[in-house]
Amino acid sequence: MMSKFIPIDFTQQIIPGTFEYALSHIVDKHLDLSTFDKWYSNDKNGAAAYPPSVMLKIILFGYSRGLVSSRRIANACETNITFMSLSGDVQPHYTSIASFVAKMKDQIEPLFTQVLMICDREGLIGRNMFAIDGCKIRSNASKEWSGTFDELERKQAKLRRASQRILARHQAQDSLSEDEITHDLKQQAKLDKSADKIKEFLATNEEKLGSQRKPVKSNITDPDSAKMTTSKGTIQGYNGIAINDDKHQIILQAQTWGSVGEQQTLKPAIEDLKKTTD
């Protein structure tokens, strides 16, 4: 088997007519990235390691290929020729990618409107008929930490009672071994920590009310999420709602909502669409 060394010109790897070419062209030529200037050029802390244009290209291209993990996108920048070409052959660490997504939320969202304006200018949006659809998205939070405020208060009291029973066991049995004492103390600390977590949440948050003004379950780990039923069982998560135009199936509005019924999200989704397209 013969091996061959081939010189690669990264500028020749992004072929016109492909999604990656359109993405690169729009980011470089049409998007206003001035909102990123403060983050990228910071006299106090120094400049960021990678230009926002590069980060946007690799993140958006990664999402288009189903790579939603920062680690997988970082790995692709080291192994995939298209990612290398989009990034200019730099390899951001996955923590840099995750930090960019987490901290730049307010700067990234307006780019969605800019892209829609470009699509509209190119005649890609018909504005005749819109389709609305949704899907349930799992949250990174346990549904076991969900409940109405009344339910959470009862859970807190239950945890306190369990902690007190461990303490009473120590007081009643002096013959416990060191291992048993250590194990029990760890369990008691865990129970007290969980109870304190609930207490803090109840003290710093307002109870969520449903469409009929009745209390609904809140999650102390992710208060914006909701407990909802899917075809695969009950999850703690969000309703992802998207509205697309019929001409070229371009998504005009997309949002996640921490409410159980999709009917509850219809009105605010349409109102957000009007703001975007007006």
C-alpha atoms as a PDB file:
ATOM      1  CA  MET A   1       0.000   0.000   0.000  1.00  0.00           C
ATOM      2  CA  MET A   2       1.440   3.341  -1.049  1.00  0.00           C
ATOM      3  CA  SER A   3       1.298   6.383   1.235  1.00  0.00           C
ATOM      4  CA  LYS A   4       1.282   9.931  -0.046  1.00  0.00           C
ATOM      5  CA  PHE A   5       1.831  13.287   1.638  1.00  0.00           C
ATOM      6  CA  ILE A   6      -0.581  15.850   0.202  1.00  0.00           C
ATOM      7  CA  PRO A   7      -0.285  19.576   0.968  1.00  0.00           C
ATOM      8  CA  ILE A   8      -3.676  20.904   2.084  1.00  0.00           C
ATOM      9  CA  ASP A   9      -4.896  24.426   1.368  1.00  0.00           C
ATOM     10  CA  PHE A  10      -7.621  24.995   3.940  1.00  0.00           C
ATOM     11  CA  THR A  11      -9.113  27.823   1.858  1.00  0.00           C
ATOM     12  CA  GLN A  12      -9.882  25.288  -0.898  1.00  0.00           C
ATOM     13  CA  GLN A  13     -11.768  22.887   1.373  1.00  0.00           C
ATOM     14  CA  ILE A  14     -14.862  25.081   1.783  1.00  0.00           C
ATOM     15  CA  ILE A  15     -16.637  24.477  -1.531  1.00  0.00           C
ATOM     16  CA  PRO A  16     -19.222  26.991  -2.884  1.00  0.00           C
ATOM     17  CA  GLY A  17     -22.757  25.641  -2.741  1.00  0.00           C
ATOM     18  CA  THR A  18     -22.255  23.813   0.559  1.00  0.00           C
ATOM     19  CA  PHE A  19     -23.743  24.736   3.908  1.00  0.00           C
ATOM     20  CA  GLU A  20     -20.313  25.377   5.398  1.00  0.00           C
ATOM     21  CA  TYR A  21     -19.502  27.841   2.584  1.00  0.00           C
ATOM     22  CA  ALA A  22     -22.752  29.742   3.169  1.00  0.00           C
ATOM     23  CA  LEU A  23     -22.121  29.742   6.935  1.00  0.00           C
ATOM     24  CA  SER A  24     -18.568  31.043   6.566  1.00  0.00           C
ATOM     25  CA  HIS A  25     -19.615  33.701   4.031  1.00  0.00           C
ATOM     26  CA  ILE A  26     -22.501  34.981   6.153  1.00  0.00           C
ATOM     27  CA  VAL A  27     -20.439  35.155   9.349  1.00  0.00           C
ATOM     28  CA  ASP A  28     -17.549  36.953   7.605  1.00  0.00           C
ATOM     29  CA  LYS A  29     -19.475  39.251   5.263  1.00  0.00           C
ATOM     30  CA  HIS A  30     -22.955  39.904   6.603  1.00  0.00           C
ATOM     31  CA  LEU A  31     -23.213  39.532  10.371  1.00  0.00           C
ATOM     32  CA  ASP A  32     -22.617  42.446  12.693  1.00  0.00           C
ATOM     33  CA  LEU A  33     -20.408  41.011  15.432  1.00  0.00           C
ATOM     34  CA  SER A  34     -19.732  44.330  17.160  1.00  0.00           C
ATOM     35  CA  THR A  35     -21.589  43.149  20.262  1.00  0.00           C
ATOM     36  CA  PHE A  36     -18.708  40.730  20.809  1.00  0.00           C
ATOM     37  CA  ASP A  37     -16.046  43.483  20.801  1.00  0.00           C
ATOM     38  CA  LYS A  38     -16.098  44.020  24.563  1.00  0.00           C
ATOM     39  CA  TRP A  39     -15.639  40.292  25.176  1.00  0.00           C
ATOM     40  CA  TYR A  40     -12.929  39.817  22.543  1.00  0.00           C
ATOM     41  CA  SER A  41     -10.878  42.994  23.130  1.00  0.00           C
ATOM     42  CA  ASN A  42     -10.624  43.470  26.860  1.00  0.00           C
ATOM     43  CA  ASP A  43      -7.848  45.779  28.025  1.00  0.00           C
ATOM     44  CA  LYS A  44      -8.217  44.658  31.622  1.00  0.00           C
ATOM     45  CA  ASN A  45      -8.068  40.898  31.156  1.00  0.00           C
ATOM     46  CA  GLY A  46      -6.513  40.656  27.712  1.00  0.00           C
ATOM     47  CA  ALA A  47      -8.024  39.449  24.456  1.00  0.00           C
ATOM     48  CA  ALA A  48      -9.923  36.198  24.192  1.00  0.00           C
ATOM     49  CA  ALA A  49      -7.991  33.327  22.689  1.00  0.00           C
ATOM     50  CA  TYR A  50     -10.192  32.927  19.612  1.00  0.00           C
ATOM     51  CA  PRO A  51     -12.118  35.438  17.455  1.00  0.00           C
ATOM     52  CA  PRO A  52     -15.927  35.275  17.877  1.00  0.00           C
ATOM     53  CA  SER A  53     -16.295  34.623  14.137  1.00  0.00           C
ATOM     54  CA  VAL A  54     -14.260  31.421  14.461  1.00  0.00           C
ATOM     55  CA  MET A  55     -16.206  30.244  17.507  1.00  0.00           C
ATOM     56  CA  LEU A  56     -19.537  30.924  15.812  1.00  0.00           C
ATOM     57  CA  LYS A  57     -18.526  29.007  12.694  1.00  0.00           C
ATOM     58  CA  ILE A  58     -17.428  25.842  14.461  1.00  0.00           C
ATOM     59  CA  ILE A  59     -20.307  25.874  16.965  1.00  0.00           C
ATOM     60  CA  LEU A  60     -23.053  26.476  14.398  1.00  0.00           C
ATOM     61  CA  PHE A  61     -21.537  23.996  11.967  1.00  0.00           C
ATOM     62  CA  GLY A  62     -21.223  21.472  14.776  1.00  0.00           C
ATOM     63  CA  TYR A  63     -24.879  21.937  15.696  1.00  0.00           C
ATOM     64  CA  SER A  64     -25.870  21.459  12.041  1.00  0.00           C
ATOM     65  CA  ARG A  65     -24.110  18.084  12.108  1.00  0.00           C
ATOM     66  CA  GLY A  66     -25.631  16.970  15.395  1.00  0.00           C
ATOM     67  CA  LEU A  67     -22.573  17.773  17.513  1.00  0.00           C
ATOM     68  CA  VAL A  68     -24.039  19.548  20.538  1.00  0.00           C
ATOM     69  CA  SER A  69     -21.276  18.621  22.978  1.00  0.00           C
ATOM     70  CA  SER A  70     -18.395  21.063  23.458  1.00  0.00           C
ATOM     71  CA  ARG A  71     -16.008  18.115  23.719  1.00  0.00           C
ATOM     72  CA  ARG A  72     -17.146  16.666  20.381  1.00  0.00           C
ATOM     73  CA  ILE A  73     -16.829  20.026  18.628  1.00  0.00           C
ATOM     74  CA  ALA A  74     -13.334  20.502  20.079  1.00  0.00           C
ATOM     75  CA  ASN A  75     -12.368  17.016  18.920  1.00  0.00           C
ATOM     76  CA  ALA A  76     -13.720  17.713  15.419  1.00  0.00           C
ATOM     77  CA  CYS A  77     -11.471  20.795  15.194  1.00  0.00           C
ATOM     78  CA  GLU A  78      -8.506  18.435  15.633  1.00  0.00           C
ATOM     79  CA  THR A  79      -9.613  15.614  13.323  1.00  0.00           C
ATOM     80  CA  ASN A  80     -12.132  16.873  10.734  1.00  0.00           C
ATOM     81  CA  ILE A  81     -10.905  18.776   7.674  1.00  0.00           C
ATOM     82  CA  THR A  82     -14.055  20.900   7.375  1.00  0.00           C
ATOM     83  CA  PHE A  83     -13.859  22.065  10.989  1.00  0.00           C
ATOM     84  CA  MET A  84     -10.147  22.766  10.520  1.00  0.00           C
ATOM     85  CA  SER A  85     -10.906  24.881   7.475  1.00  0.00           C
ATOM     86  CA  LEU A  86     -13.686  26.834   9.178  1.00  0.00           C
ATOM     87  CA  SER A  87     -11.536  27.531  12.236  1.00  0.00           C
ATOM     88  CA  GLY A  88      -8.360  28.372  10.317  1.00  0.00           C
ATOM     89  CA  ASP A  89      -6.741  25.264  11.792  1.00  0.00           C
ATOM     90  CA  VAL A  90      -6.982  26.342  15.416  1.00  0.00           C
ATOM     91  CA  GLN A  91      -8.131  23.932  18.125  1.00  0.00           C
ATOM     92  CA  PRO A  92     -10.124  25.622  20.890  1.00  0.00           C
ATOM     93  CA  HIS A  93     -10.264  23.686  24.129  1.00  0.00           C
ATOM     94  CA  TYR A  94     -13.718  22.339  24.924  1.00  0.00           C
ATOM     95  CA  THR A  95     -13.905  24.584  28.004  1.00  0.00           C
ATOM     96  CA  SER A  96     -13.428  27.631  25.766  1.00  0.00           C
ATOM     97  CA  ILE A  97     -16.305  26.491  23.559  1.00  0.00           C
ATOM     98  CA  ALA A  98     -18.567  25.804  26.540  1.00  0.00           C
ATOM     99  CA  SER A  99     -17.706  29.174  28.083  1.00  0.00           C
ATOM    100  CA  PHE A 100     -18.441  30.986  24.821  1.00  0.00           C
ATOM    101  CA  VAL A 101     -21.897  29.408  24.552  1.00  0.00           C
ATOM    102  CA  ALA A 102     -22.721  29.988  28.225  1.00  0.00           C
ATOM    103  CA  LYS A 103     -21.512  33.587  28.530  1.00  0.00           C
ATOM    104  CA  MET A 104     -22.427  34.930  25.093  1.00  0.00           C
ATOM    105  CA  LYS A 105     -26.151  34.109  25.185  1.00  0.00           C
ATOM    106  CA  ASP A 106     -27.278  37.740  24.972  1.00  0.00           C
ATOM    107  CA  GLN A 107     -24.885  38.413  22.075  1.00  0.00           C
ATOM    108  CA  ILE A 108     -25.717  35.256  20.139  1.00  0.00           C
ATOM    109  CA  GLU A 109     -29.517  35.608  20.142  1.00  0.00           C
ATOM    110  CA  PRO A 110     -29.636  38.812  18.000  1.00  0.00           C
ATOM    111  CA  LEU A 111     -27.657  36.963  15.313  1.00  0.00           C
ATOM    112  CA  PHE A 112     -30.753  34.825  14.714  1.00  0.00           C
ATOM    113  CA  THR A 113     -32.682  37.921  13.628  1.00  0.00           C
ATOM    114  CA  GLN A 114     -29.813  39.037  11.390  1.00  0.00           C
ATOM    115  CA  VAL A 115     -29.793  35.668   9.615  1.00  0.00           C
ATOM    116  CA  LEU A 116     -33.571  35.856   9.080  1.00  0.00           C
ATOM    117  CA  MET A 117     -33.174  39.318   7.546  1.00  0.00           C
ATOM    118  CA  ILE A 118     -30.595  37.920   5.125  1.00  0.00           C
ATOM    119  CA  CYS A 119     -32.927  35.059   4.216  1.00  0.00           C
ATOM    120  CA  ASP A 120     -35.792  37.501   3.665  1.00  0.00           C
ATOM    121  CA  ARG A 121     -33.609  39.739   1.485  1.00  0.00           C
ATOM    122  CA  GLU A 122     -32.712  36.723  -0.648  1.00  0.00           C
ATOM    123  CA  GLY A 123     -36.378  35.847  -1.116  1.00  0.00           C
ATOM    124  CA  LEU A 124     -36.204  32.630   0.886  1.00  0.00           C
ATOM    125  CA  ILE A 125     -39.162  33.455   3.144  1.00  0.00           C
ATOM    126  CA  GLY A 126     -42.658  33.293   1.660  1.00  0.00           C
ATOM    127  CA  ARG A 127     -44.651  34.724   4.600  1.00  0.00           C
ATOM    128  CA  ASN A 128     -47.765  32.892   3.378  1.00  0.00           C
ATOM    129  CA  MET A 129     -48.047  29.981   5.797  1.00  0.00           C
ATOM    130  CA  PHE A 130     -46.246  29.022   8.969  1.00  0.00           C
ATOM    131  CA  ALA A 131     -46.032  25.596  10.603  1.00  0.00           C
ATOM    132  CA  ILE A 132     -45.646  25.149  14.355  1.00  0.00           C
ATOM    133  CA  ASP A 133     -44.301  22.007  15.981  1.00  0.00           C
ATOM    134  CA  GLY A 134     -42.784  21.054  19.309  1.00  0.00           C
ATOM    135  CA  CYS A 135     -40.815  18.380  21.080  1.00  0.00           C
ATOM    136  CA  LYS A 136     -39.977  17.530  24.664  1.00  0.00           C
ATOM    137  CA  ILE A 137     -36.349  18.194  25.651  1.00  0.00           C
ATOM    138  CA  ARG A 138     -34.839  16.606  28.758  1.00  0.00           C
ATOM    139  CA  SER A 139     -33.325  18.980  31.312  1.00  0.00           C
ATOM    140  CA  ASN A 140     -30.108  18.332  33.221  1.00  0.00           C
ATOM    141  CA  ALA A 141     -32.096  18.088  36.442  1.00  0.00           C
ATOM    142  CA  SER A 142     -33.626  15.234  38.411  1.00  0.00           C
ATOM    143  CA  LYS A 143     -37.422  15.045  38.487  1.00  0.00           C
ATOM    144  CA  GLU A 144     -37.093  13.789  42.086  1.00  0.00           C
ATOM    145  CA  TRP A 145     -36.395  17.384  43.092  1.00  0.00           C
ATOM    146  CA  SER A 146     -39.739  18.593  41.733  1.00  0.00           C
ATOM    147  CA  GLY A 147     -42.897  19.451  43.652  1.00  0.00           C
ATOM    148  CA  THR A 148     -45.310  22.170  44.647  1.00  0.00           C
ATOM    149  CA  PHE A 149     -44.135  24.326  47.529  1.00  0.00           C
ATOM    150  CA  ASP A 150     -46.367  22.315  49.873  1.00  0.00           C
ATOM    151  CA  GLU A 151     -44.837  19.049  48.633  1.00  0.00           C
ATOM    152  CA  LEU A 152     -41.309  20.425  48.946  1.00  0.00           C
ATOM    153  CA  GLU A 153     -41.980  21.576  52.513  1.00  0.00           C
ATOM    154  CA  ARG A 154     -43.166  18.058  53.396  1.00  0.00           C
ATOM    155  CA  LYS A 155     -40.064  16.605  51.741  1.00  0.00           C
ATOM    156  CA  GLN A 156     -37.860  18.957  53.770  1.00  0.00           C
ATOM    157  CA  ALA A 157     -39.592  17.886  57.002  1.00  0.00           C
ATOM    158  CA  LYS A 158     -39.146  14.225  56.050  1.00  0.00           C
ATOM    159  CA  LEU A 159     -35.421  14.727  55.507  1.00  0.00           C
ATOM    160  CA  ARG A 160     -35.108  16.482  58.892  1.00  0.00           C
ATOM    161  CA  ARG A 161     -36.871  13.589  60.636  1.00  0.00           C
ATOM    162  CA  ALA A 162     -34.544  11.070  58.976  1.00  0.00           C
ATOM    163  CA  SER A 163     -31.556  13.103  60.149  1.00  0.00           C
ATOM    164  CA  GLN A 164     -32.896  13.194  63.707  1.00  0.00           C
ATOM    165  CA  ARG A 165     -33.404   9.413  63.707  1.00  0.00           C
ATOM    166  CA  ILE A 166     -29.712   8.925  62.882  1.00  0.00           C
ATOM    167  CA  LEU A 167     -28.759  11.244  65.727  1.00  0.00           C
ATOM    168  CA  ALA A 168     -31.070   9.387  68.130  1.00  0.00           C
ATOM    169  CA  ARG A 169     -29.464   6.104  67.119  1.00  0.00           C
ATOM    170  CA  HIS A 170     -26.065   7.429  68.209  1.00  0.00           C
ATOM    171  CA  GLN A 171     -27.394   8.600  71.522  1.00  0.00           C
ATOM    172  CA  ALA A 172     -29.061   5.244  72.220  1.00  0.00           C
ATOM    173  CA  GLN A 173     -26.220   2.969  71.122  1.00  0.00           C
ATOM    174  CA  ASP A 174     -22.750   3.682  72.453  1.00  0.00           C
ATOM    175  CA  SER A 175     -21.465   0.383  71.094  1.00  0.00           C
ATOM    176  CA  LEU A 176     -21.483   1.448  67.430  1.00  0.00           C
ATOM    177  CA  SER A 177     -18.214   0.803  65.606  1.00  0.00           C
ATOM    178  CA  GLU A 178     -16.126   3.628  64.123  1.00  0.00           C
ATOM    179  CA  ASP A 179     -17.133   2.548  60.603  1.00  0.00           C
ATOM    180  CA  GLU A 180     -20.830   2.646  61.511  1.00  0.00           C
ATOM    181  CA  ILE A 181     -20.431   6.064  63.124  1.00  0.00           C
ATOM    182  CA  THR A 182     -18.586   7.446  60.085  1.00  0.00           C
ATOM    183  CA  HIS A 183     -21.220   6.056  57.706  1.00  0.00           C
ATOM    184  CA  ASP A 184     -24.093   7.452  59.753  1.00  0.00           C
ATOM    185  CA  LEU A 185     -22.515  10.887  60.042  1.00  0.00           C
ATOM    186  CA  LYS A 186     -22.072  11.028  56.286  1.00  0.00           C
ATOM    187  CA  GLN A 187     -25.715  10.061  55.806  1.00  0.00           C
ATOM    188  CA  GLN A 188     -26.845  12.670  58.322  1.00  0.00           C
ATOM    189  CA  ALA A 189     -24.781  15.377  56.596  1.00  0.00           C
ATOM    190  CA  LYS A 190     -26.253  14.395  53.225  1.00  0.00           C
ATOM    191  CA  LEU A 191     -29.805  14.579  54.581  1.00  0.00           C
ATOM    192  CA  ASP A 192     -29.192  17.951  56.229  1.00  0.00           C
ATOM    193  CA  LYS A 193     -27.631  19.326  53.030  1.00  0.00           C
ATOM    194  CA  SER A 194     -30.656  18.238  50.984  1.00  0.00           C
ATOM    195  CA  ALA A 195     -33.062  19.769  53.513  1.00  0.00           C
ATOM    196  CA  ASP A 196     -31.089  23.036  53.531  1.00  0.00           C
ATOM    197  CA  LYS A 197     -31.186  23.074  49.729  1.00  0.00           C
ATOM    198  CA  ILE A 198     -34.975  22.882  49.758  1.00  0.00           C
ATOM    199  CA  LYS A 199     -35.216  25.501  52.512  1.00  0.00           C
ATOM    200  CA  GLU A 200     -33.084  27.958  50.544  1.00  0.00           C
ATOM    201  CA  PHE A 201     -35.120  27.393  47.376  1.00  0.00           C
ATOM    202  CA  LEU A 202     -38.429  28.001  49.139  1.00  0.00           C
ATOM    203  CA  ALA A 203     -37.076  31.181  50.713  1.00  0.00           C
ATOM    204  CA  THR A 204     -35.719  32.689  47.491  1.00  0.00           C
ATOM    205  CA  ASN A 205     -38.322  31.688  44.874  1.00  0.00           C
ATOM    206  CA  GLU A 206     -41.990  32.311  44.214  1.00  0.00           C
ATOM    207  CA  GLU A 207     -44.364  29.421  43.615  1.00  0.00           C
ATOM    208  CA  LYS A 208     -45.256  28.770  39.959  1.00  0.00           C
ATOM    209  CA  LEU A 209     -48.943  28.887  39.036  1.00  0.00           C
ATOM    210  CA  GLY A 210     -50.614  27.062  36.160  1.00  0.00           C
ATOM    211  CA  SER A 211     -53.114  28.359  33.604  1.00  0.00           C
ATOM    212  CA  GLN A 212     -55.920  28.027  36.171  1.00  0.00           C
ATOM    213  CA  ARG A 213     -53.888  29.854  38.839  1.00  0.00           C
ATOM    214  CA  LYS A 214     -53.270  26.640  40.762  1.00  0.00           C
ATOM    215  CA  PRO A 215     -49.794  25.731  42.114  1.00  0.00           C
ATOM    216  CA  VAL A 216     -47.671  23.600  39.789  1.00  0.00           C
ATOM    217  CA  LYS A 217     -44.503  21.674  40.478  1.00  0.00           C
ATOM    218  CA  SER A 218     -41.183  23.541  40.616  1.00  0.00           C
ATOM    219  CA  ASN A 219     -37.739  21.983  40.359  1.00  0.00           C
ATOM    220  CA  ILE A 220     -35.166  23.280  42.814  1.00  0.00           C
ATOM    221  CA  THR A 221     -32.235  22.385  40.542  1.00  0.00           C
ATOM    222  CA  ASP A 222     -33.716  23.913  37.364  1.00  0.00           C
ATOM    223  CA  PRO A 223     -36.675  26.149  38.329  1.00  0.00           C
ATOM    224  CA  ASP A 224     -37.468  27.054  34.710  1.00  0.00           C
ATOM    225  CA  SER A 225     -38.049  23.424  33.684  1.00  0.00           C
ATOM    226  CA  ALA A 226     -41.211  21.388  34.189  1.00  0.00           C
ATOM    227  CA  LYS A 227     -42.204  17.787  34.792  1.00  0.00           C
ATOM    228  CA  MET A 228     -43.835  16.484  31.608  1.00  0.00           C
ATOM    229  CA  THR A 229     -45.040  13.235  30.091  1.00  0.00           C
ATOM    230  CA  THR A 230     -43.521  11.898  26.862  1.00  0.00           C
ATOM    231  CA  SER A 231     -43.915   8.711  24.825  1.00  0.00           C
ATOM    232  CA  LYS A 232     -40.907   7.377  26.755  1.00  0.00           C
ATOM    233  CA  GLY A 233     -42.162   8.265  30.213  1.00  0.00           C
ATOM    234  CA  THR A 234     -42.051  11.294  32.493  1.00  0.00           C
ATOM    235  CA  ILE A 235     -39.094  13.661  32.216  1.00  0.00           C
ATOM    236  CA  GLN A 236     -37.919  16.898  33.782  1.00  0.00           C
ATOM    237  CA  GLY A 237     -37.467  19.259  30.882  1.00  0.00           C
ATOM    238  CA  TYR A 238     -38.797  21.769  28.394  1.00  0.00           C
ATOM    239  CA  ASN A 239     -41.138  22.109  25.456  1.00  0.00           C
ATOM    240  CA  GLY A 240     -39.096  23.071  22.410  1.00  0.00           C
ATOM    241  CA  ILE A 241     -41.321  25.030  19.995  1.00  0.00           C
ATOM    242  CA  ALA A 242     -40.288  25.980  16.450  1.00  0.00           C
ATOM    243  CA  ILE A 243     -42.145  27.980  13.805  1.00  0.00           C
ATOM    244  CA  ASN A 244     -41.046  27.611  10.194  1.00  0.00           C
ATOM    245  CA  ASP A 245     -42.003  29.209   6.883  1.00  0.00           C
ATOM    246  CA  ASP A 246     -43.539  26.954   4.213  1.00  0.00           C
ATOM    247  CA  LYS A 247     -41.471  28.223   1.254  1.00  0.00           C
ATOM    248  CA  HIS A 248     -38.079  26.771   2.218  1.00  0.00           C
ATOM    249  CA  GLN A 249     -38.775  25.394   5.710  1.00  0.00           C
ATOM    250  CA  ILE A 250     -36.717  28.170   7.302  1.00  0.00           C
ATOM    251  CA  ILE A 251     -37.138  28.361  11.089  1.00  0.00           C
ATOM    252  CA  LEU A 252     -38.415  31.826  11.950  1.00  0.00           C
ATOM    253  CA  GLN A 253     -38.754  31.450  15.696  1.00  0.00           C
ATOM    254  CA  ALA A 254     -37.551  28.859  18.182  1.00  0.00           C
ATOM    255  CA  GLN A 255     -37.741  28.791  21.954  1.00  0.00           C
ATOM    256  CA  THR A 256     -37.888  26.420  24.890  1.00  0.00           C
ATOM    257  CA  TRP A 257     -40.654  26.765  27.427  1.00  0.00           C
ATOM    258  CA  GLY A 258     -40.820  25.292  30.888  1.00  0.00           C
ATOM    259  CA  SER A 259     -44.558  24.630  30.762  1.00  0.00           C
ATOM    260  CA  VAL A 260     -46.348  21.316  30.505  1.00  0.00           C
ATOM    261  CA  GLY A 261     -48.846  21.952  27.682  1.00  0.00           C
ATOM    262  CA  GLU A 262     -47.891  23.116  24.196  1.00  0.00           C
ATOM    263  CA  GLN A 263     -51.184  25.030  24.053  1.00  0.00           C
ATOM    264  CA  GLN A 264     -49.801  27.302  26.767  1.00  0.00           C
ATOM    265  CA  THR A 265     -46.864  28.231  24.547  1.00  0.00           C
ATOM    266  CA  LEU A 266     -48.832  28.953  21.346  1.00  0.00           C
ATOM    267  CA  LYS A 267     -49.733  32.570  22.117  1.00  0.00           C
ATOM    268  CA  PRO A 268     -46.282  33.708  23.368  1.00  0.00           C
ATOM    269  CA  ALA A 269     -44.603  31.878  20.448  1.00  0.00           C
ATOM    270  CA  ILE A 270     -46.767  33.734  17.914  1.00  0.00           C
ATOM    271  CA  GLU A 271     -46.150  37.046  19.700  1.00  0.00           C
ATOM    272  CA  ASP A 272     -42.380  36.452  19.527  1.00  0.00           C
ATOM    273  CA  LEU A 273     -42.699  35.613  15.822  1.00  0.00           C
ATOM    274  CA  LYS A 274     -44.463  38.928  15.181  1.00  0.00           C
ATOM    275  CA  LYS A 275     -41.633  40.794  16.917  1.00  0.00           C
ATOM    276  CA  THR A 276     -39.048  38.965  14.780  1.00  0.00           C
ATOM    277  CA  THR A 277     -40.775  39.479  11.427  1.00  0.00           C
ATOM    278  CA  ASP A 278     -42.150  43.016  11.873  1.00  0.00           C
END
